[in-house]
Every structure is written in C-alpha cells, then in structure tokens.
Amino acid sequence: MGDISDSLPLKTPQPAAPRDPAERDRPISSLGRRLRKLVSDILRSRSAAIGVGIVLFWVFVAVAAPLISPYSPTELAGERLQSPSQEHWLGTDNLGRDVLSRLIWGSRVVLLLAPVSVFLGLLIGAPLGLASGYLGGILDTFIMRVTDIMLSFPTLLIYILIIATFGSSAIIVVISVAIGVVPTTTRIVRSLVMDERTRDYVSAARLRGEKLWYILGREILPNASGPIIVDTCIRIGYAVMAIGALGFLGLGVPPPTPDWGGMINEGREWIFRQPLIVLAPAVALSSLVIGLNMIADGIREIEQQR
C-alpha cells in the first residue's frame, strides 16, 4: 500500500511576482497611519489629553493675540505698578504696560521659537543619527566623538557664547537652541537605528535590493518614530525653559518684544509691590512645560503598551 502522499497532486512552487517599480517608488503611508493612530491613542490617554489641552490653550492664545489682547504689549496703558483692576486684570508693570497683554503676546515668542529650534535640530540630528547607526564604521566614530565634545560643554554656556558672539535676535536664539538639540537627538536616533537594523524587515528590504534611502526613510524611521516623537515633546519643553532662561538673562528676544523670561527679569525688582509681574509669566512658562511633558508621558505609555 503506497503512501497517501503519493496520491495527492503536487503543487509546483510559483515564483514570487516581481515587485511593481511604481509601487516600490510610491511613498508609503505607514508613518502617516502610525501618526494618525498615535493621535487617536493620545486622545484616549488622560494624561496626554490634559497635556494637549494645555498646549492647545496657549496655541489659541498666541494665534488670537490680536483679538483678545486688551492693549498693545508696548503701550503705556496706565500708571506704574497698578494692582489688578477691571481695566487691567493682571495689573501693570513698572512702565505702566498691561501685564495681561504682554503675557498674551509673549506666548507667540515662545510658541514660535521653541518648536522651530527643536525641529531645526531634529532636521540636522536625525539624518546624522540614521547614518551613524546604520552605516557604522569610521563615520559612526567621527559623529559620536563630535557629539561627545558638544555634550561636554554646559548647554546654557553654549547658548551664551553664541549669543554674545553674534548678538541677540530671534534667529540667533533659534540657532543656539537648535545647536544644543543636535547632539542629543543624534545619539537617540543612532541607538534606535542600531536596534532596528537587526530586524527581519530590514534584512528583507536588503534582499529586495532596496536603496539605502528607502531602508532608512521608509523602513527604519517609521518604526522608530514613537521614541523620536516622545523625545521631541521633551526637547520642546527644554527649549521653552532655555528661551525663558535666556530672556531672564537679557539674552533672549530684544525688547520691547514681550518675552516671558524677559518679563520675569524686568519684574523681579518689583515683585513685592506687584507680584503678578513675575508670577503670571512664571506660571505660564511652567504650565506650557508641564503640558508638553504630559504629552510625552502619555505617548511613552502608549508605545510601551504596543
């Protein structure tokens, strides 16, 4: 009696269909789908949702500043050091300017400069980290030694040296903060890439003959996006504090442009006569940083559950 397998028809393995070049070259939407899924998960996370609410509140204040601000931020709207009243909800500063108006317009400075500086640092640091982590060798050694040198200096000292050399302006502040973001971003992306490059999907992409930019940009980067987004939220919080510190030291955006750190510096001499000159921008600065950190914590929890 023959084996039952002898009576079964044998199927000849069919070669895999060649991959359509148009499909290969068409941008995939995995990163976009991942971001949309992340947004929906954030809205279900209590911590992240509260953080998003805080940040969106300040974004609304910044965008609607011309409509909701009762006075111009540079207008001498009343007497010096007035207490809160119906005309001036947070009082006036040492020059008679409305504190609430300056607080509202100051949100524009920090919400513009902080994200721009972090994203600029990300645009420089992420490609360096991708190349360093995937290619390795001499390039990896060189990039890591440069980042080690940059990280050996206190970040605030780097900011002060750059601004003292080139002068104080919004562009210089952005460049200074971006330079401080580059080395940490590079090292984080490098560590993620070194872990992802050993995965099976990367080996499969190599066997398919995919180009380097395809593997890095469409295979590895989408799968490493979660920790990068978390770090970006944290870096924006650090940038907010750095811009506030530079403003407090007189190295931020030049006056009369309102700046939360500069408001704290200008009002510290009068804190006992009009505490809101200092407390209002300090609370605003802290709340924005707390909101960004809550978003980062929520995203981290979501990534850990996956």
Protein backbone atom coordinates (compact mmCIF):
# COMPACT_ATOMS: atom_id res chain seq x y z
CA MET A 1 0.00 0.00 0.00
CA GLY A 2 1.56 3.25 -1.11
CA ASP A 3 1.92 6.34 0.99
CA ILE A 4 -1.17 8.55 0.86
CA SER A 5 1.02 11.47 -0.09
CA ASP A 6 1.77 9.70 -3.41
CA SER A 7 -1.86 10.08 -4.47
CA LEU A 8 -2.04 13.81 -3.73
CA PRO A 9 -1.30 16.23 -6.55
CA LEU A 10 1.91 18.09 -6.06
CA LYS A 11 1.87 21.86 -6.41
CA THR A 12 4.79 23.37 -8.17
CA PRO A 13 6.03 26.42 -6.27
CA GLN A 14 5.33 29.56 -8.23
CA PRO A 15 7.99 32.25 -8.31
CA ALA A 16 7.15 35.40 -6.42
CA ALA A 17 5.70 38.09 -8.61
CA PRO A 18 8.19 40.82 -9.30
CA ARG A 19 7.57 43.94 -7.35
CA ASP A 20 5.99 46.72 -9.35
CA PRO A 21 8.54 49.53 -9.65
CA ALA A 22 5.76 52.09 -9.40
CA GLU A 23 4.60 50.51 -6.13
CA ARG A 24 8.15 50.43 -4.81
CA ASP A 25 8.79 54.06 -5.65
CA ARG A 26 5.41 55.31 -4.40
CA PRO A 27 5.71 56.87 -0.90
CA ILE A 28 4.22 54.53 1.62
CA SER A 29 1.84 55.88 4.25
CA SER A 30 2.94 53.74 7.19
CA LEU A 31 4.34 56.76 9.00
CA GLY A 32 1.14 58.70 8.36
CA ARG A 33 -1.02 55.82 9.59
CA ARG A 34 1.17 55.48 12.65
CA LEU A 35 0.81 59.19 13.42
CA ARG A 36 -2.97 59.06 13.00
CA LYS A 37 -3.15 56.03 15.29
CA LEU A 38 -0.94 57.86 17.78
CA VAL A 39 -3.23 60.89 17.78
CA SER A 40 -6.29 58.73 18.43
CA ASP A 41 -4.47 56.94 21.27
CA ILE A 42 -3.39 60.28 22.76
CA LEU A 43 -7.00 61.44 22.92
CA ARG A 44 -7.84 58.29 24.89
CA SER A 45 -4.96 58.81 27.32
CA ARG A 46 -6.00 61.04 30.22
CA SER A 47 -2.52 62.40 30.89
CA ALA A 48 -1.78 63.11 27.25
CA ALA A 49 -5.22 64.61 26.65
CA ILE A 50 -4.76 67.06 29.51
CA GLY A 51 -1.32 67.99 28.16
CA VAL A 52 -2.77 68.53 24.68
CA GLY A 53 -5.47 70.74 26.20
CA ILE A 54 -2.89 72.90 27.99
CA VAL A 55 -0.73 73.28 24.88
CA LEU A 56 -3.73 73.99 22.64
CA PHE A 57 -4.88 76.66 25.07
CA TRP A 58 -1.60 78.54 24.70
CA VAL A 59 -1.63 77.97 20.95
CA PHE A 60 -5.07 79.58 20.82
CA VAL A 61 -3.86 82.49 22.95
CA ALA A 62 -0.89 83.02 20.65
CA VAL A 63 -2.93 82.82 17.44
CA ALA A 64 -5.75 85.03 18.74
CA ALA A 65 -3.46 87.57 20.43
CA PRO A 66 -4.52 90.50 18.22
CA LEU A 67 -8.18 89.77 19.01
CA ILE A 68 -8.10 89.00 22.74
CA SER A 69 -5.32 91.33 23.90
CA PRO A 70 -6.88 94.41 25.58
CA TYR A 71 -3.86 96.63 24.85
CA SER A 72 -0.75 96.72 22.72
CA PRO A 73 2.15 94.98 24.51
CA THR A 74 4.27 98.14 24.26
CA GLU A 75 1.53 100.66 25.08
CA LEU A 76 1.78 102.67 28.30
CA ALA A 77 -1.77 101.81 29.27
CA GLY A 78 -1.89 103.14 32.83
CA GLU A 79 0.03 104.15 35.89
CA ARG A 80 3.06 102.20 37.05
CA LEU A 81 2.64 99.06 39.17
CA GLN A 82 -1.16 99.13 39.35
CA SER A 83 -2.86 96.26 41.14
CA PRO A 84 -5.34 94.07 39.24
CA SER A 85 -8.47 96.01 38.30
CA GLN A 86 -11.33 95.95 35.80
CA GLU A 87 -9.18 97.80 33.26
CA HIS A 88 -6.04 95.75 33.90
CA TRP A 89 -6.86 92.21 35.01
CA LEU A 90 -3.26 91.41 35.95
CA GLY A 91 -2.22 94.98 36.75
CA THR A 92 0.56 96.96 35.08
CA ASP A 93 4.33 96.67 35.13
CA ASN A 94 7.00 99.16 36.20
CA LEU A 95 6.47 101.18 32.99
CA GLY A 96 2.68 101.15 33.04
CA ARG A 97 2.24 98.43 30.40
CA ASP A 98 -0.63 95.97 30.76
CA VAL A 99 0.72 92.68 32.15
CA LEU A 100 -2.04 90.56 30.61
CA SER A 101 -1.42 91.98 27.14
CA ARG A 102 2.30 91.35 27.40
CA LEU A 103 1.63 87.82 28.66
CA ILE A 104 -0.64 87.11 25.70
CA TRP A 105 1.78 88.47 23.11
CA GLY A 106 4.72 86.80 24.85
CA SER A 107 3.14 83.40 24.17
CA ARG A 108 3.77 83.99 20.47
CA VAL A 109 7.50 84.27 21.02
CA VAL A 110 7.94 81.06 22.97
CA LEU A 111 5.48 79.00 20.88
CA LEU A 112 7.24 80.03 17.69
CA LEU A 113 10.89 79.91 18.70
CA ALA A 114 10.81 76.70 20.79
CA PRO A 115 9.28 74.32 18.19
CA VAL A 116 11.22 75.88 15.31
CA SER A 117 14.53 75.46 17.13
CA VAL A 118 13.77 71.84 18.09
CA PHE A 119 12.63 70.88 14.58
CA LEU A 120 15.72 72.54 13.13
CA GLY A 121 17.88 70.49 15.48
CA LEU A 122 15.86 67.39 14.56
CA LEU A 123 16.40 68.00 10.84
CA ILE A 124 20.15 68.03 11.46
CA GLY A 125 20.45 65.41 14.21
CA ALA A 126 18.08 62.76 12.81
CA PRO A 127 19.94 62.23 9.49
CA LEU A 128 23.24 62.14 11.38
CA GLY A 129 21.84 59.53 13.76
CA LEU A 130 20.37 57.48 10.90
CA ALA A 131 23.66 57.44 9.01
CA SER A 132 25.74 56.81 12.12
CA GLY A 133 23.58 53.96 13.43
CA TYR A 134 23.07 52.17 10.12
CA LEU A 135 26.44 52.58 8.41
CA GLY A 136 28.69 52.42 11.49
CA GLY A 137 32.44 52.33 10.98
CA ILE A 138 34.56 55.45 10.77
CA LEU A 139 31.53 57.67 10.13
CA ASP A 140 29.88 56.47 13.33
CA THR A 141 33.06 57.01 15.33
CA PHE A 142 33.54 60.52 13.95
CA ILE A 143 29.94 61.62 14.57
CA MET A 144 29.92 60.21 18.10
CA ARG A 145 33.18 61.93 19.02
CA VAL A 146 31.81 65.25 17.77
CA THR A 147 28.63 64.82 19.82
CA ASP A 148 30.72 63.86 22.86
CA ILE A 149 32.64 67.12 22.53
CA MET A 150 29.42 69.12 22.22
CA LEU A 151 27.83 67.38 25.20
CA SER A 152 30.91 68.02 27.35
CA PHE A 153 30.02 71.74 27.44
CA PRO A 154 27.09 73.01 29.51
CA THR A 155 24.24 73.76 27.13
CA LEU A 156 23.49 77.16 28.63
CA LEU A 157 27.15 78.13 28.22
CA ILE A 158 26.95 77.29 24.50
CA TYR A 159 23.87 79.49 24.19
CA ILE A 160 25.58 82.38 25.95
CA LEU A 161 28.75 82.09 23.85
CA ILE A 162 26.81 82.08 20.56
CA ILE A 163 24.55 84.98 21.51
CA ALA A 164 27.42 87.00 22.95
CA THR A 165 29.36 86.50 19.71
CA PHE A 166 26.63 87.15 17.14
CA GLY A 167 24.24 89.36 19.09
CA SER A 168 20.76 88.85 20.45
CA SER A 169 17.93 88.26 17.98
CA ALA A 170 15.17 85.74 17.38
CA ILE A 171 17.16 83.97 14.65
CA ILE A 172 20.27 83.68 16.83
CA VAL A 173 18.19 82.30 19.70
CA VAL A 174 16.69 79.67 17.39
CA ILE A 175 20.10 78.66 16.04
CA SER A 176 21.60 78.50 19.54
CA VAL A 177 18.86 76.24 20.90
CA ALA A 178 18.94 74.08 17.74
CA ILE A 179 22.68 73.50 18.18
CA GLY A 180 22.01 72.28 21.71
CA VAL A 181 19.37 69.85 20.41
CA VAL A 182 21.53 68.25 17.69
CA PRO A 183 23.89 66.04 19.77
CA THR A 184 21.19 64.51 21.98
CA THR A 185 18.90 63.89 19.02
CA THR A 186 21.75 62.30 17.08
CA ARG A 187 22.57 59.86 19.86
CA ILE A 188 18.95 58.89 20.46
CA VAL A 189 18.23 58.25 16.77
CA ARG A 190 21.50 56.32 16.45
CA SER A 191 20.59 53.98 19.30
CA LEU A 192 17.15 53.36 17.80
CA VAL A 193 18.59 52.63 14.36
CA MET A 194 21.21 50.24 15.75
CA ASP A 195 18.37 48.23 17.30
CA GLU A 196 16.07 48.37 14.26
CA ARG A 197 18.71 47.46 11.65
CA THR A 198 18.90 43.90 13.02
CA ARG A 199 15.19 43.29 12.46
CA ASP A 200 13.91 40.87 9.83
CA TYR A 201 12.05 43.53 7.85
CA VAL A 202 15.35 45.39 7.28
CA SER A 203 17.02 42.19 6.07
CA ALA A 204 14.07 41.60 3.76
CA ALA A 205 14.45 45.10 2.34
CA ARG A 206 18.13 44.46 1.69
CA LEU A 207 17.32 41.17 -0.10
CA ARG A 208 14.81 43.01 -2.27
CA GLY A 209 17.63 45.29 -3.33
CA GLU A 210 16.15 48.44 -1.83
CA LYS A 211 18.29 51.53 -1.82
CA LEU A 212 19.80 52.99 1.34
CA TRP A 213 17.47 55.99 1.46
CA TYR A 214 14.46 53.67 1.14
CA ILE A 215 15.55 51.44 4.02
CA LEU A 216 16.32 54.39 6.29
CA GLY A 217 13.39 56.62 5.41
CA ARG A 218 10.60 54.13 4.73
CA GLU A 219 11.50 51.09 6.77
CA ILE A 220 13.51 52.07 9.85
CA LEU A 221 12.32 55.64 10.51
CA PRO A 222 8.56 54.85 10.70
CA ASN A 223 9.23 52.04 13.18
CA ALA A 224 11.43 54.30 15.33
CA SER A 225 9.06 57.27 15.20
CA GLY A 226 7.44 56.68 18.61
CA PRO A 227 10.50 57.33 20.81
CA ILE A 228 11.52 60.17 18.50
CA ILE A 229 8.15 61.89 18.98
CA VAL A 230 8.41 61.45 22.75
CA ASP A 231 11.89 62.95 22.76
CA THR A 232 10.74 65.82 20.52
CA CYS A 233 7.99 66.78 23.01
CA ILE A 234 10.52 66.71 25.84
CA ARG A 235 13.01 68.76 23.80
CA ILE A 236 10.37 71.40 23.07
CA GLY A 237 9.80 71.67 26.83
CA TYR A 238 13.54 72.08 27.35
CA ALA A 239 13.60 74.70 24.58
CA VAL A 240 10.80 76.64 26.29
CA MET A 241 12.81 76.70 29.51
CA ALA A 242 16.00 77.61 27.64
CA ILE A 243 14.32 80.52 25.86
CA GLY A 244 12.87 81.66 29.18
CA ALA A 245 16.30 81.43 30.83
CA LEU A 246 17.91 83.41 28.01
CA GLY A 247 15.21 86.05 28.31
CA PHE A 248 15.75 86.23 32.07
CA LEU A 249 19.48 86.76 31.48
CA GLY A 250 18.77 89.50 28.95
CA LEU A 251 19.99 87.35 26.03
CA GLY A 252 16.63 86.49 24.51
CA VAL A 253 14.48 88.42 22.08
CA PRO A 254 15.45 92.11 22.29
CA PRO A 255 12.95 94.50 23.91
CA PRO A 256 10.34 95.85 23.54
CA THR A 257 9.13 92.48 22.17
CA PRO A 258 7.41 90.75 25.11
CA ASP A 259 9.11 87.58 26.29
CA TRP A 260 8.08 85.57 29.34
CA GLY A 261 11.64 85.21 30.60
CA GLY A 262 12.31 88.89 30.00
CA MET A 263 9.10 89.80 31.86
CA ILE A 264 10.29 87.85 34.89
CA ASN A 265 13.65 89.62 34.74
CA GLU A 266 12.08 93.07 34.42
CA GLY A 267 9.58 92.47 37.20
CA ARG A 268 11.76 90.77 39.84
CA GLU A 269 12.70 94.13 41.36
CA TRP A 270 9.03 94.94 41.92
CA ILE A 271 7.79 91.51 42.99
CA PHE A 272 6.69 92.64 46.46
CA ARG A 273 4.76 95.65 45.14
CA GLN A 274 3.17 93.90 42.14
CA PRO A 275 3.74 90.11 42.38
CA LEU A 276 1.80 89.33 39.18
CA ILE A 277 4.53 90.92 37.07
CA VAL A 278 6.64 87.86 37.89
CA LEU A 279 4.06 85.24 38.84
CA ALA A 280 1.96 85.49 35.66
CA PRO A 281 4.77 84.73 33.15
CA ALA A 282 6.31 82.18 35.55
CA VAL A 283 3.03 80.26 35.80
CA ALA A 284 2.53 80.49 32.03
CA LEU A 285 6.03 79.14 31.38
CA SER A 286 5.59 76.31 33.87
CA SER A 287 2.15 75.31 32.58
CA LEU A 288 3.38 75.05 29.00
CA VAL A 289 6.33 72.87 30.01
CA ILE A 290 4.06 70.68 32.16
CA GLY A 291 1.65 70.26 29.24
CA LEU A 292 4.44 69.17 26.90
CA ASN A 293 5.80 66.72 29.48
CA MET A 294 2.33 65.24 30.00
CA ILE A 295 2.03 64.68 26.26
CA ALA A 296 5.45 62.99 26.24
CA ASP A 297 4.49 60.76 29.19
CA GLY A 298 1.22 59.79 27.51
CA ILE A 299 2.96 58.89 24.25
CA ARG A 300 5.58 56.87 26.16
CA GLU A 301 2.84 54.87 27.90
CA ILE A 302 1.11 54.24 24.58
CA GLU A 303 4.34 53.00 22.97
CA GLN A 304 5.03 50.69 25.91
CA GLN A 305 1.60 49.08 25.62
CA ARG A 306 2.15 48.19 21.96
